[in-house]
Amino acid sequence: MKRVRVTNSTRGRELGTRVLLADWFWPRLRGLIARPRIEHGEGLMIVPCRGVHMYMMTYPIDVALIDRDGGVVAMYRELAPGARTRWHGDAHRALEVPAGMLAETSTSLGDRIVWGEN
C-alpha cells in the first residue's frame, strides 16, 4: 500500500508521516484488523469511507471523517474495540490514527486536512 503524510493545515500540525492509503477493496476491507497497534506517526486513510467499525479490533483509535474538500465533518476520539461510528453522508474518507492524536493536534470539526505522498 502507498504511504502518505497527513497534516491538519488549519492548525499546522502533523497527524501522521506514515499513513497507509487504503483506496481499493482488500485494504479497505481489512483496515487495521489483525495489525499491531499503530504508533505515533502511523495511521490508515480509507477512501471512500463514510463510517468505520471496530469489530475484531484490540485497541482504541481516533477517527476523523473527512469530506471531498478535506474538511473534518466528524470525529471519534478513542473509539473502543467493538464500537462503530455513525454513517456520515458528507464524508468521503476516514483517517484512523493512534488514540489521543486528534486531541494532541487540537484537531476540530471544520479543520482542513491535507495529504500527499512522502
PDB file of N, CA and C in Angstrom:
ATOM      1  N   MET A   1       0.844  -1.191   0.000  1.00  0.00           N
ATOM      2  CA  MET A   1       0.000   0.000   0.000  1.00  0.00           C
ATOM      3  C   MET A   1       0.883   1.246   0.000  1.00  0.00           C
ATOM      4  N   LYS A   2       0.360   2.286  -0.615  1.00  0.00           N
ATOM      5  CA  LYS A   2       1.050   3.567  -0.653  1.00  0.00           C
ATOM      6  C   LYS A   2       0.974   4.241   0.722  1.00  0.00           C
ATOM      7  N   ARG A   3       2.012   4.998   1.064  1.00  0.00           N
ATOM      8  CA  ARG A   3       2.024   5.767   2.314  1.00  0.00           C
ATOM      9  C   ARG A   3       1.926   7.253   1.994  1.00  0.00           C
ATOM     10  N   VAL A   4       1.196   7.968   2.839  1.00  0.00           N
ATOM     11  CA  VAL A   4       1.054   9.411   2.671  1.00  0.00           C
ATOM     12  C   VAL A   4       1.370  10.117   3.986  1.00  0.00           C
ATOM     13  N   ARG A   5       1.674  11.386   3.869  1.00  0.00           N
ATOM     14  CA  ARG A   5       1.862  12.278   5.016  1.00  0.00           C
ATOM     15  C   ARG A   5       0.562  13.061   5.158  1.00  0.00           C
ATOM     16  N   VAL A   6       0.023  13.138   6.367  1.00  0.00           N
ATOM     17  CA  VAL A   6      -1.258  13.806   6.597  1.00  0.00           C
ATOM     18  C   VAL A   6      -1.052  14.942   7.594  1.00  0.00           C
ATOM     19  N   THR A   7      -1.550  16.133   7.230  1.00  0.00           N
ATOM     20  CA  THR A   7      -1.370  17.325   8.057  1.00  0.00           C
ATOM     21  C   THR A   7      -2.702  18.035   8.245  1.00  0.00           C
ATOM     22  N   ASN A   8      -2.907  18.570   9.453  1.00  0.00           N
ATOM     23  CA  ASN A   8      -4.026  19.461   9.704  1.00  0.00           C
ATOM     24  C   ASN A   8      -3.524  20.850   9.324  1.00  0.00           C
ATOM     25  N   SER A   9      -3.918  21.324   8.136  1.00  0.00           N
ATOM     26  CA  SER A   9      -3.394  22.609   7.653  1.00  0.00           C
ATOM     27  C   SER A   9      -3.973  23.785   8.424  1.00  0.00           C
ATOM     28  N   THR A  10      -5.141  23.628   9.028  1.00  0.00           N
ATOM     29  CA  THR A  10      -5.740  24.688   9.831  1.00  0.00           C
ATOM     30  C   THR A  10      -4.883  24.978  11.059  1.00  0.00           C
ATOM     31  N   ARG A  11      -4.388  23.934  11.691  1.00  0.00           N
ATOM     32  CA  ARG A  11      -3.617  24.060  12.938  1.00  0.00           C
ATOM     33  C   ARG A  11      -2.107  24.016  12.702  1.00  0.00           C
ATOM     34  N   GLY A  12      -1.698  23.629  11.461  1.00  0.00           N
ATOM     35  CA  GLY A  12      -0.270  23.490  11.195  1.00  0.00           C
ATOM     36  C   GLY A  12       0.347  22.336  11.964  1.00  0.00           C
ATOM     37  N   ARG A  13      -0.417  21.259  12.162  1.00  0.00           N
ATOM     38  CA  ARG A  13       0.044  20.108  12.946  1.00  0.00           C
ATOM     39  C   ARG A  13       0.006  18.852  12.088  1.00  0.00           C
ATOM     40  N   GLU A  14       1.017  18.035  12.256  1.00  0.00           N
ATOM     41  CA  GLU A  14       1.107  16.791  11.504  1.00  0.00           C
ATOM     42  C   GLU A  14       0.347  15.683  12.220  1.00  0.00           C
ATOM     43  N   LEU A  15      -0.518  14.991  11.475  1.00  0.00           N
ATOM     44  CA  LEU A  15      -1.282  13.882  12.035  1.00  0.00           C
ATOM     45  C   LEU A  15      -0.592  12.546  11.817  1.00  0.00           C
ATOM     46  N   GLY A  16       0.231  12.453  10.792  1.00  0.00           N
ATOM     47  CA  GLY A  16       0.952  11.213  10.537  1.00  0.00           C
ATOM     48  C   GLY A  16       1.897  11.347   9.365  1.00  0.00           C
ATOM     49  N   THR A  17       3.049  10.717   9.478  1.00  0.00           N
ATOM     50  CA  THR A  17       4.031  10.733   8.389  1.00  0.00           C
ATOM     51  C   THR A  17       4.061   9.414   7.639  1.00  0.00           C
ATOM     52  N   ARG A  18       3.501   8.367   8.257  1.00  0.00           N
ATOM     53  CA  ARG A  18       3.492   7.036   7.658  1.00  0.00           C
ATOM     54  C   ARG A  18       2.070   6.478   7.680  1.00  0.00           C
ATOM     55  N   VAL A  19       1.170   7.147   6.974  1.00  0.00           N
ATOM     56  CA  VAL A  19      -0.234   6.758   6.942  1.00  0.00           C
ATOM     57  C   VAL A  19      -0.477   5.931   5.675  1.00  0.00           C
ATOM     58  N   LEU A  20      -0.937   4.704   5.870  1.00  0.00           N
ATOM     59  CA  LEU A  20      -1.222   3.835   4.737  1.00  0.00           C
ATOM     60  C   LEU A  20      -2.506   4.287   4.053  1.00  0.00           C
ATOM     61  N   LEU A  21      -2.517   4.243   2.722  1.00  0.00           N
ATOM     62  CA  LEU A  21      -3.684   4.641   1.942  1.00  0.00           C
ATOM     63  C   LEU A  21      -4.420   3.390   1.479  1.00  0.00           C
ATOM     64  N   ALA A  22      -5.596   3.164   2.032  1.00  0.00           N
ATOM     65  CA  ALA A  22      -6.439   2.024   1.665  1.00  0.00           C
ATOM     66  C   ALA A  22      -7.480   2.529   0.675  1.00  0.00           C
ATOM     67  N   ASP A  23      -7.136   2.460  -0.608  1.00  0.00           N
ATOM     68  CA  ASP A  23      -8.023   3.027  -1.623  1.00  0.00           C
ATOM     69  C   ASP A  23      -8.524   1.997  -2.631  1.00  0.00           C
ATOM     70  N   TRP A  24      -8.461   0.733  -2.260  1.00  0.00           N
ATOM     71  CA  TRP A  24      -9.100  -0.312  -3.060  1.00  0.00           C
ATOM     72  C   TRP A  24      -9.653  -1.374  -2.131  1.00  0.00           C
ATOM     73  N   PHE A  25     -10.448  -2.279  -2.651  1.00  0.00           N
ATOM     74  CA  PHE A  25     -11.304  -3.175  -1.868  1.00  0.00           C
ATOM     75  C   PHE A  25     -10.614  -3.903  -0.723  1.00  0.00           C
ATOM     76  N   TRP A  26      -9.566  -4.678  -0.975  1.00  0.00           N
ATOM     77  CA  TRP A  26      -8.982  -5.520   0.077  1.00  0.00           C
ATOM     78  C   TRP A  26      -8.403  -4.716   1.237  1.00  0.00           C
ATOM     79  N   PRO A  27      -7.612  -3.681   0.985  1.00  0.00           N
ATOM     80  CA  PRO A  27      -7.113  -2.903   2.138  1.00  0.00           C
ATOM     81  C   PRO A  27      -8.231  -2.216   2.923  1.00  0.00           C
ATOM     82  N   ARG A  28      -9.291  -1.765   2.229  1.00  0.00           N
ATOM     83  CA  ARG A  28     -10.426  -1.152   2.939  1.00  0.00           C
ATOM     84  C   ARG A  28     -11.130  -2.188   3.787  1.00  0.00           C
ATOM     85  N   LEU A  29     -11.295  -3.397   3.248  1.00  0.00           N
ATOM     86  CA  LEU A  29     -11.983  -4.463   3.972  1.00  0.00           C
ATOM     87  C   LEU A  29     -11.207  -4.850   5.236  1.00  0.00           C
ATOM     88  N   ARG A  30      -9.898  -4.987   5.122  1.00  0.00           N
ATOM     89  CA  ARG A  30      -9.081  -5.389   6.269  1.00  0.00           C
ATOM     90  C   ARG A  30      -8.903  -4.263   7.271  1.00  0.00           C
ATOM     91  N   GLY A  31      -8.685  -3.058   6.790  1.00  0.00           N
ATOM     92  CA  GLY A  31      -8.453  -1.937   7.692  1.00  0.00           C
ATOM     93  C   GLY A  31      -7.283  -2.212   8.615  1.00  0.00           C
ATOM     94  N   LEU A  32      -7.487  -1.995   9.902  1.00  0.00           N
ATOM     95  CA  LEU A  32      -6.435  -2.236  10.889  1.00  0.00           C
ATOM     96  C   LEU A  32      -6.618  -3.566  11.617  1.00  0.00           C
ATOM     97  N   ILE A  33      -7.598  -4.362  11.190  1.00  0.00           N
ATOM     98  CA  ILE A  33      -7.856  -5.652  11.831  1.00  0.00           C
ATOM     99  C   ILE A  33      -6.618  -6.537  11.713  1.00  0.00           C
ATOM    100  N   ALA A  34      -6.242  -7.158  12.816  1.00  0.00           N
ATOM    101  CA  ALA A  34      -5.110  -8.091  12.894  1.00  0.00           C
ATOM    102  C   ALA A  34      -3.769  -7.413  12.621  1.00  0.00           C
ATOM    103  N   ARG A  35      -3.712  -6.121  12.770  1.00  0.00           N
ATOM    104  CA  ARG A  35      -2.439  -5.398  12.655  1.00  0.00           C
ATOM    105  C   ARG A  35      -2.003  -4.988  14.058  1.00  0.00           C
ATOM    106  N   PRO A  36      -0.691  -4.872  14.256  1.00  0.00           N
ATOM    107  CA  PRO A  36      -0.235  -4.399  15.568  1.00  0.00           C
ATOM    108  C   PRO A  36      -0.728  -2.984  15.836  1.00  0.00           C
ATOM    109  N   ARG A  37      -0.751  -2.608  17.090  1.00  0.00           N
ATOM    110  CA  ARG A  37      -1.170  -1.260  17.486  1.00  0.00           C
ATOM    111  C   ARG A  37      -0.402  -0.224  16.670  1.00  0.00           C
ATOM    112  N   ILE A  38      -1.120   0.765  16.130  1.00  0.00           N
ATOM    113  CA  ILE A  38      -0.442   1.803  15.360  1.00  0.00           C
ATOM    114  C   ILE A  38       0.269   2.752  16.320  1.00  0.00           C
ATOM    115  N   GLU A  39       1.443   3.164  15.916  1.00  0.00           N
ATOM    116  CA  GLU A  39       2.296   4.024  16.733  1.00  0.00           C
ATOM    117  C   GLU A  39       2.165   5.481  16.287  1.00  0.00           C
ATOM    118  N   HIS A  40       2.733   6.367  17.077  1.00  0.00           N
ATOM    119  CA  HIS A  40       2.761   7.792  16.752  1.00  0.00           C
ATOM    120  C   HIS A  40       3.339   7.954  15.349  1.00  0.00           C
ATOM    121  N   GLY A  41       2.658   8.715  14.493  1.00  0.00           N
ATOM    122  CA  GLY A  41       3.109   8.937  13.127  1.00  0.00           C
ATOM    123  C   GLY A  41       2.506   7.982  12.117  1.00  0.00           C
ATOM    124  N   GLU A  42       1.893   6.901  12.592  1.00  0.00           N
ATOM    125  CA  GLU A  42       1.274   5.922  11.698  1.00  0.00           C
ATOM    126  C   GLU A  42      -0.234   6.141  11.635  1.00  0.00           C
ATOM    127  N   GLY A  43      -0.870   5.497  10.675  1.00  0.00           N
ATOM    128  CA  GLY A  43      -2.309   5.559  10.559  1.00  0.00           C
ATOM    129  C   GLY A  43      -2.792   4.877   9.299  1.00  0.00           C
ATOM    130  N   LEU A  44      -4.070   5.017   9.037  1.00  0.00           N
ATOM    131  CA  LEU A  44      -4.698   4.445   7.853  1.00  0.00           C
ATOM    132  C   LEU A  44      -5.719   5.447   7.334  1.00  0.00           C
ATOM    133  N   MET A  45      -5.672   5.731   6.034  1.00  0.00           N
ATOM    134  CA  MET A  45      -6.676   6.575   5.400  1.00  0.00           C
ATOM    135  C   MET A  45      -7.477   5.688   4.450  1.00  0.00           C
ATOM    136  N   ILE A  46      -8.785   5.592   4.703  1.00  0.00           N
ATOM    137  CA  ILE A  46      -9.672   4.722   3.935  1.00  0.00           C
ATOM    138  C   ILE A  46     -10.495   5.575   2.974  1.00  0.00           C
ATOM    139  N   VAL A  47     -10.412   5.237   1.670  1.00  0.00           N
ATOM    140  CA  VAL A  47     -11.096   6.002   0.628  1.00  0.00           C
ATOM    141  C   VAL A  47     -11.777   5.040  -0.342  1.00  0.00           C
ATOM    142  N   PRO A  48     -13.047   5.157  -0.644  1.00  0.00           N
ATOM    143  CA  PRO A  48     -14.020   6.023   0.015  1.00  0.00           C
ATOM    144  C   PRO A  48     -14.467   5.406   1.332  1.00  0.00           C
ATOM    145  N   CYS A  49     -15.000   6.236   2.213  1.00  0.00           N
ATOM    146  CA  CYS A  49     -15.467   5.756   3.509  1.00  0.00           C
ATOM    147  C   CYS A  49     -16.386   6.796   4.136  1.00  0.00           C
ATOM    148  N   ARG A  50     -17.506   6.320   4.672  1.00  0.00           N
ATOM    149  CA  ARG A  50     -18.456   7.206   5.344  1.00  0.00           C
ATOM    150  C   ARG A  50     -18.693   6.823   6.794  1.00  0.00           C
ATOM    151  N   GLY A  51     -17.992   5.794   7.250  1.00  0.00           N
ATOM    152  CA  GLY A  51     -18.106   5.342   8.626  1.00  0.00           C
ATOM    153  C   GLY A  51     -17.260   4.098   8.807  1.00  0.00           C
ATOM    154  N   VAL A  52     -16.838   3.837  10.039  1.00  0.00           N
ATOM    155  CA  VAL A  52     -15.995   2.671  10.310  1.00  0.00           C
ATOM    156  C   VAL A  52     -16.544   1.885  11.489  1.00  0.00           C
ATOM    157  N   HIS A  53     -16.110   0.629  11.573  1.00  0.00           N
ATOM    158  CA  HIS A  53     -16.431  -0.197  12.737  1.00  0.00           C
ATOM    159  C   HIS A  53     -15.137  -0.685  13.354  1.00  0.00           C
ATOM    160  N   MET A  54     -15.232  -1.092  14.604  1.00  0.00           N
ATOM    161  CA  MET A  54     -14.068  -1.562  15.349  1.00  0.00           C
ATOM    162  C   MET A  54     -14.207  -3.036  15.720  1.00  0.00           C
ATOM    163  N   TYR A  55     -15.032  -3.760  14.980  1.00  0.00           N
ATOM    164  CA  TYR A  55     -15.207  -5.184  15.234  1.00  0.00           C
ATOM    165  C   TYR A  55     -13.879  -5.897  14.985  1.00  0.00           C
ATOM    166  N   MET A  56     -13.513  -6.786  15.857  1.00  0.00           N
ATOM    167  CA  MET A  56     -12.279  -7.581  15.809  1.00  0.00           C
ATOM    168  C   MET A  56     -11.017  -6.748  16.062  1.00  0.00           C
ATOM    169  N   MET A  57     -11.162  -5.509  16.484  1.00  0.00           N
ATOM    170  CA  MET A  57     -10.003  -4.696  16.852  1.00  0.00           C
ATOM    171  C   MET A  57      -9.654  -4.970  18.316  1.00  0.00           C
ATOM    172  N   THR A  58      -8.388  -4.722  18.662  1.00  0.00           N
ATOM    173  CA  THR A  58      -7.951  -4.995  20.034  1.00  0.00           C
ATOM    174  C   THR A  58      -7.472  -3.747  20.762  1.00  0.00           C
ATOM    175  N   TYR A  59      -7.501  -2.602  20.105  1.00  0.00           N
ATOM    176  CA  TYR A  59      -7.040  -1.357  20.733  1.00  0.00           C
ATOM    177  C   TYR A  59      -7.873  -0.181  20.206  1.00  0.00           C
ATOM    178  N   PRO A  60      -8.010   0.893  20.994  1.00  0.00           N
ATOM    179  CA  PRO A  60      -8.779   2.063  20.559  1.00  0.00           C
ATOM    180  C   PRO A  60      -7.969   2.917  19.571  1.00  0.00           C
ATOM    181  N   ILE A  61      -8.681   3.683  18.756  1.00  0.00           N
ATOM    182  CA  ILE A  61      -8.058   4.621  17.817  1.00  0.00           C
ATOM    183  C   ILE A  61      -8.893   5.893  17.760  1.00  0.00           C
ATOM    184  N   ASP A  62      -8.318   6.940  17.194  1.00  0.00           N
ATOM    185  CA  ASP A  62      -9.058   8.152  16.858  1.00  0.00           C
ATOM    186  C   ASP A  62      -9.436   8.073  15.387  1.00  0.00           C
ATOM    187  N   VAL A  63     -10.627   8.566  15.055  1.00  0.00           N
ATOM    188  CA  VAL A  63     -11.098   8.556  13.671  1.00  0.00           C
ATOM    189  C   VAL A  63     -11.611   9.943  13.310  1.00  0.00           C
ATOM    190  N   ALA A  64     -11.143  10.464  12.192  1.00  0.00           N
ATOM    191  CA  ALA A  64     -11.679  11.709  11.639  1.00  0.00           C
ATOM    192  C   ALA A  64     -12.296  11.369  10.292  1.00  0.00           C
ATOM    193  N   LEU A  65     -13.550  11.743  10.097  1.00  0.00           N
ATOM    194  CA  LEU A  65     -14.206  11.573   8.809  1.00  0.00           C
ATOM    195  C   LEU A  65     -14.108  12.892   8.059  1.00  0.00           C
ATOM    196  N   ILE A  66     -13.694  12.797   6.812  1.00  0.00           N
ATOM    197  CA  ILE A  66     -13.285  13.972   6.038  1.00  0.00           C
ATOM    198  C   ILE A  66     -14.084  14.037   4.745  1.00  0.00           C
ATOM    199  N   ASP A  67     -14.539  15.244   4.375  1.00  0.00           N
ATOM    200  CA  ASP A  67     -15.297  15.398   3.129  1.00  0.00           C
ATOM    201  C   ASP A  67     -14.354  15.506   1.925  1.00  0.00           C
ATOM    202  N   ARG A  68     -14.928  15.626   0.732  1.00  0.00           N
ATOM    203  CA  ARG A  68     -14.133  15.670  -0.507  1.00  0.00           C
ATOM    204  C   ARG A  68     -13.174  16.855  -0.562  1.00  0.00           C
ATOM    205  N   ASP A  69     -13.492  17.923   0.163  1.00  0.00           N
ATOM    206  CA  ASP A  69     -12.640  19.115   0.159  1.00  0.00           C
ATOM    207  C   ASP A  69     -11.589  19.094   1.268  1.00  0.00           C
ATOM    208  N   GLY A  70     -11.540  18.026   2.055  1.00  0.00           N
ATOM    209  CA  GLY A  70     -10.561  17.926   3.131  1.00  0.00           C
ATOM    210  C   GLY A  70     -11.043  18.440   4.469  1.00  0.00           C
ATOM    211  N   GLY A  71     -12.312  18.803   4.570  1.00  0.00           N
ATOM    212  CA  GLY A  71     -12.853  19.306   5.833  1.00  0.00           C
ATOM    213  C   GLY A  71     -13.271  18.179   6.768  1.00  0.00           C
ATOM    214  N   VAL A  72     -12.950  18.323   8.045  1.00  0.00           N
ATOM    215  CA  VAL A  72     -13.352  17.332   9.048  1.00  0.00           C
ATOM    216  C   VAL A  72     -14.845  17.511   9.322  1.00  0.00           C
ATOM    217  N   VAL A  73     -15.622  16.448   9.059  1.00  0.00           N
ATOM    218  CA  VAL A  73     -17.075  16.512   9.259  1.00  0.00           C
ATOM    219  C   VAL A  73     -17.524  15.746  10.504  1.00  0.00           C
ATOM    220  N   ALA A  74     -16.672  14.867  11.029  1.00  0.00           N
ATOM    221  CA  ALA A  74     -16.990  14.122  12.256  1.00  0.00           C
ATOM    222  C   ALA A  74     -15.695  13.605  12.864  1.00  0.00           C
ATOM    223  N   MET A  75     -15.706  13.483  14.184  1.00  0.00           N
ATOM    224  CA  MET A  75     -14.536  12.960  14.891  1.00  0.00           C
ATOM    225  C   MET A  75     -14.992  11.994  15.973  1.00  0.00           C
ATOM    226  N   TYR A  76     -14.222  10.943  16.130  1.00  0.00           N
ATOM    227  CA  TYR A  76     -14.461   9.959  17.184  1.00  0.00           C
ATOM    228  C   TYR A  76     -13.132   9.745  17.892  1.00  0.00           C
ATOM    229  N   ARG A  77     -13.059  10.233  19.108  1.00  0.00           N
ATOM    230  CA  ARG A  77     -11.821  10.102  19.880  1.00  0.00           C
ATOM    231  C   ARG A  77     -11.865   8.832  20.709  1.00  0.00           C
ATOM    232  N   GLU A  78     -10.755   8.107  20.676  1.00  0.00           N
ATOM    233  CA  GLU A  78     -10.597   6.875  21.443  1.00  0.00           C
ATOM    234  C   GLU A  78     -11.771   5.918  21.217  1.00  0.00           C
ATOM    235  N   LEU A  79     -12.068   5.671  19.951  1.00  0.00           N
ATOM    236  CA  LEU A  79     -13.124   4.724  19.582  1.00  0.00           C
ATOM    237  C   LEU A  79     -12.693   3.327  20.030  1.00  0.00           C
ATOM    238  N   ALA A  80     -13.499   2.705  20.855  1.00  0.00           N
ATOM    239  CA  ALA A  80     -13.130   1.451  21.511  1.00  0.00           C
ATOM    240  C   ALA A  80     -13.364   0.240  20.608  1.00  0.00           C
ATOM    241  N   PRO A  81     -12.608  -0.842  20.851  1.00  0.00           N
ATOM    242  CA  PRO A  81     -12.866  -2.087  20.137  1.00  0.00           C
ATOM    243  C   PRO A  81     -14.328  -2.491  20.273  1.00  0.00           C
ATOM    244  N   GLY A  82     -14.917  -2.951  19.175  1.00  0.00           N
ATOM    245  CA  GLY A  82     -16.317  -3.359  19.170  1.00  0.00           C
ATOM    246  C   GLY A  82     -17.292  -2.234  18.863  1.00  0.00           C
ATOM    247  N   ALA A  83     -16.844  -0.984  18.910  1.00  0.00           N
ATOM    248  CA  ALA A  83     -17.724   0.166  18.656  1.00  0.00           C
ATOM    249  C   ALA A  83     -17.798   0.442  17.151  1.00  0.00           C
ATOM    250  N   ARG A  84     -18.600   1.414  16.790  1.00  0.00           N
ATOM    251  CA  ARG A  84     -18.674   1.862  15.394  1.00  0.00           C
ATOM    252  C   ARG A  84     -19.076   3.322  15.367  1.00  0.00           C
ATOM    253  N   THR A  85     -18.778   3.956  14.245  1.00  0.00           N
ATOM    254  CA  THR A  85     -19.192   5.341  14.067  1.00  0.00           C
ATOM    255  C   THR A  85     -20.581   5.354  13.433  1.00  0.00           C
ATOM    256  N   ARG A  86     -21.189   6.498  13.394  1.00  0.00           N
ATOM    257  CA  ARG A  86     -22.392   6.695  12.595  1.00  0.00           C
ATOM    258  C   ARG A  86     -21.976   6.740  11.130  1.00  0.00           C
ATOM    259  N   TRP A  87     -22.925   6.612  10.243  1.00  0.00           N
ATOM    260  CA  TRP A  87     -22.705   6.787   8.810  1.00  0.00           C
ATOM    261  C   TRP A  87     -22.841   8.279   8.539  1.00  0.00           C
ATOM    262  N   HIS A  88     -21.867   8.864   7.846  1.00  0.00           N
ATOM    263  CA  HIS A  88     -21.863  10.298   7.557  1.00  0.00           C
ATOM    264  C   HIS A  88     -21.900  10.501   6.053  1.00  0.00           C
ATOM    265  N   GLY A  89     -23.059  10.897   5.544  1.00  0.00           N
ATOM    266  CA  GLY A  89     -23.252  11.049   4.112  1.00  0.00           C
ATOM    267  C   GLY A  89     -22.341  12.076   3.470  1.00  0.00           C
ATOM    268  N   ASP A  90     -21.865  13.046   4.241  1.00  0.00           N
ATOM    269  CA  ASP A  90     -20.994  14.084   3.679  1.00  0.00           C
ATOM    270  C   ASP A  90     -19.510  13.699   3.743  1.00  0.00           C
ATOM    271  N   ALA A  91     -19.199  12.555   4.333  1.00  0.00           N
ATOM    272  CA  ALA A  91     -17.804  12.104   4.416  1.00  0.00           C
ATOM    273  C   ALA A  91     -17.398  11.408   3.124  1.00  0.00           C
ATOM    274  N   HIS A  92     -16.109  11.493   2.804  1.00  0.00           N
ATOM    275  CA  HIS A  92     -15.568  10.805   1.636  1.00  0.00           C
ATOM    276  C   HIS A  92     -14.408   9.892   2.022  1.00  0.00           C
ATOM    277  N   ARG A  93     -13.791  10.147   3.160  1.00  0.00           N
ATOM    278  CA  ARG A  93     -12.670   9.325   3.611  1.00  0.00           C
ATOM    279  C   ARG A  93     -12.620   9.323   5.127  1.00  0.00           C
ATOM    280  N   ALA A  94     -11.957   8.304   5.665  1.00  0.00           N
ATOM    281  CA  ALA A  94     -11.748   8.206   7.110  1.00  0.00           C
ATOM    282  C   ALA A  94     -10.254   8.165   7.378  1.00  0.00           C
ATOM    283  N   LEU A  95      -9.841   8.912   8.364  1.00  0.00           N
ATOM    284  CA  LEU A  95      -8.461   8.891   8.821  1.00  0.00           C
ATOM    285  C   LEU A  95      -8.435   8.233  10.193  1.00  0.00           C
ATOM    286  N   GLU A  96      -7.701   7.123  10.307  1.00  0.00           N
ATOM    287  CA  GLU A  96      -7.559   6.417  11.568  1.00  0.00           C
ATOM    288  C   GLU A  96      -6.132   6.626  12.068  1.00  0.00           C
ATOM    289  N   VAL A  97      -6.017   7.163  13.266  1.00  0.00           N
ATOM    290  CA  VAL A  97      -4.713   7.467  13.867  1.00  0.00           C
ATOM    291  C   VAL A  97      -4.703   6.953  15.308  1.00  0.00           C
ATOM    292  N   PRO A  98      -3.529   6.897  15.931  1.00  0.00           N
ATOM    293  CA  PRO A  98      -3.486   6.410  17.316  1.00  0.00           C
ATOM    294  C   PRO A  98      -4.398   7.214  18.243  1.00  0.00           C
ATOM    295  N   ALA A  99      -4.971   6.535  19.214  1.00  0.00           N
ATOM    296  CA  ALA A  99      -5.824   7.198  20.200  1.00  0.00           C
ATOM    297  C   ALA A  99      -5.061   8.348  20.848  1.00  0.00           C
ATOM    298  N   GLY A 100      -5.707   9.497  20.926  1.00  0.00           N
ATOM    299  CA  GLY A 100      -5.103  10.684  21.526  1.00  0.00           C
ATOM    300  C   GLY A 100      -4.518  11.656  20.521  1.00  0.00           C
ATOM    301  N   MET A 101      -4.334  11.220  19.270  1.00  0.00           N
ATOM    302  CA  MET A 101      -3.700  12.077  18.267  1.00  0.00           C
ATOM    303  C   MET A 101      -4.572  13.278  17.899  1.00  0.00           C
ATOM    304  N   LEU A 102      -5.890  13.117  17.822  1.00  0.00           N
ATOM    305  CA  LEU A 102      -6.749  14.257  17.475  1.00  0.00           C
ATOM    306  C   LEU A 102      -6.682  15.327  18.564  1.00  0.00           C
ATOM    307  N   ALA A 103      -6.658  14.909  19.821  1.00  0.00           N
ATOM    308  CA  ALA A 103      -6.530  15.873  20.926  1.00  0.00           C
ATOM    309  C   ALA A 103      -5.139  16.507  20.923  1.00  0.00           C
ATOM    310  N   GLU A 104      -4.109  15.697  20.713  1.00  0.00           N
ATOM    311  CA  GLU A 104      -2.728  16.200  20.721  1.00  0.00           C
ATOM    312  C   GLU A 104      -2.508  17.270  19.656  1.00  0.00           C
ATOM    313  N   THR A 105      -3.184  17.135  18.517  1.00  0.00           N
ATOM    314  CA  THR A 105      -3.023  18.092  17.418  1.00  0.00           C
ATOM    315  C   THR A 105      -4.108  19.167  17.416  1.00  0.00           C
ATOM    316  N   SER A 106      -4.974  19.161  18.421  1.00  0.00           N
ATOM    317  CA  SER A 106      -6.091  20.113  18.542  1.00  0.00           C
ATOM    318  C   SER A 106      -7.014  20.093  17.329  1.00  0.00           C
ATOM    319  N   THR A 107      -7.113  18.951  16.667  1.00  0.00           N
ATOM    320  CA  THR A 107      -7.982  18.825  15.501  1.00  0.00           C
ATOM    321  C   THR A 107      -9.437  18.990  15.922  1.00  0.00           C
ATOM    322  N   SER A 108     -10.171  19.813  15.156  1.00  0.00           N
ATOM    323  CA  SER A 108     -11.568  20.123  15.458  1.00  0.00           C
ATOM    324  C   SER A 108     -12.420  20.004  14.205  1.00  0.00           C
ATOM    325  N   LEU A 109     -13.726  19.941  14.403  1.00  0.00           N
ATOM    326  CA  LEU A 109     -14.649  19.931  13.267  1.00  0.00           C
ATOM    327  C   LEU A 109     -14.404  21.155  12.399  1.00  0.00           C
ATOM    328  N   GLY A 110     -14.405  20.961  11.089  1.00  0.00           N
ATOM    329  CA  GLY A 110     -14.205  22.060  10.156  1.00  0.00           C
ATOM    330  C   GLY A 110     -12.755  22.289   9.765  1.00  0.00           C
ATOM    331  N   ASP A 111     -11.808  21.737  10.523  1.00  0.00           N
ATOM    332  CA  ASP A 111     -10.396  21.871  10.143  1.00  0.00           C
ATOM    333  C   ASP A 111     -10.158  21.258   8.776  1.00  0.00           C
ATOM    334  N   ARG A 112      -9.139  21.760   8.079  1.00  0.00           N
ATOM    335  CA  ARG A 112      -8.763  21.243   6.757  1.00  0.00           C
ATOM    336  C   ARG A 112      -7.612  20.264   6.916  1.00  0.00           C
ATOM    337  N   ILE A 113      -7.792  19.096   6.325  1.00  0.00           N
ATOM    338  CA  ILE A 113      -6.776  18.042   6.353  1.00  0.00           C
ATOM    339  C   ILE A 113      -6.223  17.905   4.938  1.00  0.00           C
ATOM    340  N   VAL A 114      -4.901  17.885   4.836  1.00  0.00           N
ATOM    341  CA  VAL A 114      -4.246  17.700   3.543  1.00  0.00           C
ATOM    342  C   VAL A 114      -3.333  16.482   3.626  1.00  0.00           C
ATOM    343  N   TRP A 115      -3.094  15.854   2.479  1.00  0.00           N
ATOM    344  CA  TRP A 115      -2.271  14.664   2.446  1.00  0.00           C
ATOM    345  C   TRP A 115      -1.529  14.633   1.119  1.00  0.00           C
ATOM    346  N   GLY A 116      -0.421  13.953   1.133  1.00  0.00           N
ATOM    347  CA  GLY A 116       0.386  13.805  -0.074  1.00  0.00           C
ATOM    348  C   GLY A 116       1.420  12.726   0.148  1.00  0.00           C
ATOM    349  N   GLU A 117       1.984  12.273  -0.953  1.00  0.00           N
ATOM    350  CA  GLU A 117       2.990  11.220  -0.857  1.00  0.00           C
ATOM    351  C   GLU A 117       4.222  11.715  -0.127  1.00  0.00           C
ATOM    352  N   ASN A 118       4.846  10.799   0.593  1.00  0.00           N
ATOM    353  CA  ASN A 118       6.094  11.138   1.324  1.00  0.00           C
ATOM    354  C   ASN A 118       7.228  11.354   0.356  1.00  0.00           C
TER     355      ASN A 118
END
